[in-house]
Amino acid sequence: MTRDTKRSGVSLLLVGLLGIAFFWATDPRFGVVRAEATGSPVDAVHDSTPGTYVGFAGSGIVVAVGVWLLMKRTA
């Protein structure tokens, strides 16, 4: 494995984990950051749930690519 490939894999792994942490922290139901922009917490959960799931999926894909690059052997 070349040094650049390993560095890219580590970078993608870290960015993906940061993305997962961001979407978890900003989720109104499970997160630690509570947004009071809307009047009802139920509306906030309803409005942000699709974005949270898409963010988790996208970050998971980035983590998977990073892990794949780290596990890739030189040919």
C-alpha atoms as a PDB file:
ATOM      1  CA  MET A   1       0.000   0.000   0.000  1.00  0.00           C
ATOM      2  CA  THR A   2       1.353   3.368  -0.866  1.00  0.00           C
ATOM      3  CA  ARG A   3       1.637   6.084   1.700  1.00  0.00           C
ATOM      4  CA  ASP A   4      -0.864   8.306  -0.130  1.00  0.00           C
ATOM      5  CA  THR A   5      -3.498   5.562  -0.162  1.00  0.00           C
ATOM      6  CA  LYS A   6      -3.101   4.965   3.562  1.00  0.00           C
ATOM      7  CA  ARG A   7      -3.287   8.704   4.297  1.00  0.00           C
ATOM      8  CA  SER A   8      -6.435   9.006   2.179  1.00  0.00           C
ATOM      9  CA  GLY A   9      -8.013   6.068   3.981  1.00  0.00           C
ATOM     10  CA  VAL A  10      -7.286   7.547   7.402  1.00  0.00           C
ATOM     11  CA  SER A  11      -8.576  10.955   6.305  1.00  0.00           C
ATOM     12  CA  LEU A  12     -11.820   9.510   4.944  1.00  0.00           C
ATOM     13  CA  LEU A  13     -12.281   7.419   8.072  1.00  0.00           C
ATOM     14  CA  LEU A  14     -11.879  10.463  10.323  1.00  0.00           C
ATOM     15  CA  VAL A  15     -14.134  12.669   8.195  1.00  0.00           C
ATOM     16  CA  GLY A  16     -16.822   9.984   8.097  1.00  0.00           C
ATOM     17  CA  LEU A  17     -16.713   9.538  11.869  1.00  0.00           C
ATOM     18  CA  LEU A  18     -16.898  13.305  12.342  1.00  0.00           C
ATOM     19  CA  GLY A  19     -19.915  13.372  10.017  1.00  0.00           C
ATOM     20  CA  ILE A  20     -21.652  10.668  12.035  1.00  0.00           C
ATOM     21  CA  ALA A  21     -20.883  12.562  15.255  1.00  0.00           C
ATOM     22  CA  PHE A  22     -22.235  15.791  13.746  1.00  0.00           C
ATOM     23  CA  PHE A  23     -25.514  14.265  12.595  1.00  0.00           C
ATOM     24  CA  TRP A  24     -25.962  12.484  15.935  1.00  0.00           C
ATOM     25  CA  ALA A  25     -25.226  15.657  17.942  1.00  0.00           C
ATOM     26  CA  THR A  26     -27.653  17.811  15.956  1.00  0.00           C
ATOM     27  CA  ASP A  27     -30.531  15.313  15.936  1.00  0.00           C
ATOM     28  CA  PRO A  28     -33.425  16.662  18.040  1.00  0.00           C
ATOM     29  CA  ARG A  29     -34.381  13.228  19.369  1.00  0.00           C
ATOM     30  CA  PHE A  30     -31.003  11.651  20.220  1.00  0.00           C
ATOM     31  CA  GLY A  31     -28.533  14.519  20.012  1.00  0.00           C
ATOM     32  CA  VAL A  32     -26.972  16.752  22.592  1.00  0.00           C
ATOM     33  CA  VAL A  33     -27.641  20.053  20.813  1.00  0.00           C
ATOM     34  CA  ARG A  34     -31.252  21.084  21.209  1.00  0.00           C
ATOM     35  CA  ALA A  35     -32.574  23.536  18.632  1.00  0.00           C
ATOM     36  CA  GLU A  36     -35.506  25.646  19.740  1.00  0.00           C
ATOM     37  CA  ALA A  37     -36.247  27.057  16.278  1.00  0.00           C
ATOM     38  CA  THR A  38     -39.671  25.441  16.086  1.00  0.00           C
ATOM     39  CA  GLY A  39     -42.427  25.643  18.641  1.00  0.00           C
ATOM     40  CA  SER A  40     -42.983  21.913  18.965  1.00  0.00           C
ATOM     41  CA  PRO A  41     -40.288  19.279  19.581  1.00  0.00           C
ATOM     42  CA  VAL A  42     -42.426  16.784  17.669  1.00  0.00           C
ATOM     43  CA  ASP A  43     -42.297  19.022  14.581  1.00  0.00           C
ATOM     44  CA  ALA A  44     -38.527  19.366  14.938  1.00  0.00           C
ATOM     45  CA  VAL A  45     -38.084  15.585  15.064  1.00  0.00           C
ATOM     46  CA  HIS A  46     -40.448  15.111  12.139  1.00  0.00           C
ATOM     47  CA  ASP A  47     -38.665  17.713   9.999  1.00  0.00           C
ATOM     48  CA  SER A  48     -35.102  16.577  10.702  1.00  0.00           C
ATOM     49  CA  THR A  49     -35.432  12.779  10.651  1.00  0.00           C
ATOM     50  CA  PRO A  50     -34.870  12.326   6.882  1.00  0.00           C
ATOM     51  CA  GLY A  51     -31.804  14.578   6.951  1.00  0.00           C
ATOM     52  CA  THR A  52     -30.366  12.682   9.897  1.00  0.00           C
ATOM     53  CA  TYR A  53     -30.819   9.316   8.181  1.00  0.00           C
ATOM     54  CA  VAL A  54     -29.328  10.563   4.920  1.00  0.00           C
ATOM     55  CA  GLY A  55     -26.414  12.076   6.840  1.00  0.00           C
ATOM     56  CA  PHE A  56     -25.793   8.797   8.662  1.00  0.00           C
ATOM     57  CA  ALA A  57     -25.918   6.870   5.382  1.00  0.00           C
ATOM     58  CA  GLY A  58     -23.572   9.260   3.576  1.00  0.00           C
ATOM     59  CA  SER A  59     -21.122   9.316   6.468  1.00  0.00           C
ATOM     60  CA  GLY A  60     -21.283   5.535   6.662  1.00  0.00           C
ATOM     61  CA  ILE A  61     -20.370   5.295   2.985  1.00  0.00           C
ATOM     62  CA  VAL A  62     -17.394   7.609   3.553  1.00  0.00           C
ATOM     63  CA  VAL A  63     -16.281   5.451   6.505  1.00  0.00           C
ATOM     64  CA  ALA A  64     -16.648   2.295   4.391  1.00  0.00           C
ATOM     65  CA  VAL A  65     -14.503   3.746   1.597  1.00  0.00           C
ATOM     66  CA  GLY A  66     -11.880   4.799   4.148  1.00  0.00           C
ATOM     67  CA  VAL A  67     -11.786   1.325   5.680  1.00  0.00           C
ATOM     68  CA  TRP A  68     -11.586  -0.220   2.224  1.00  0.00           C
ATOM     69  CA  LEU A  69      -8.599   1.964   1.358  1.00  0.00           C
ATOM     70  CA  LEU A  70      -6.892   1.025   4.613  1.00  0.00           C
ATOM     71  CA  MET A  71      -7.415  -2.692   3.991  1.00  0.00           C
ATOM     72  CA  LYS A  72      -6.332  -2.546   0.354  1.00  0.00           C
ATOM     73  CA  ARG A  73      -3.073  -4.343  -0.370  1.00  0.00           C
ATOM     74  CA  THR A  74      -0.502  -3.351  -2.934  1.00  0.00           C
ATOM     75  CA  ALA A  75      -0.557  -5.431  -6.082  1.00  0.00           C
END
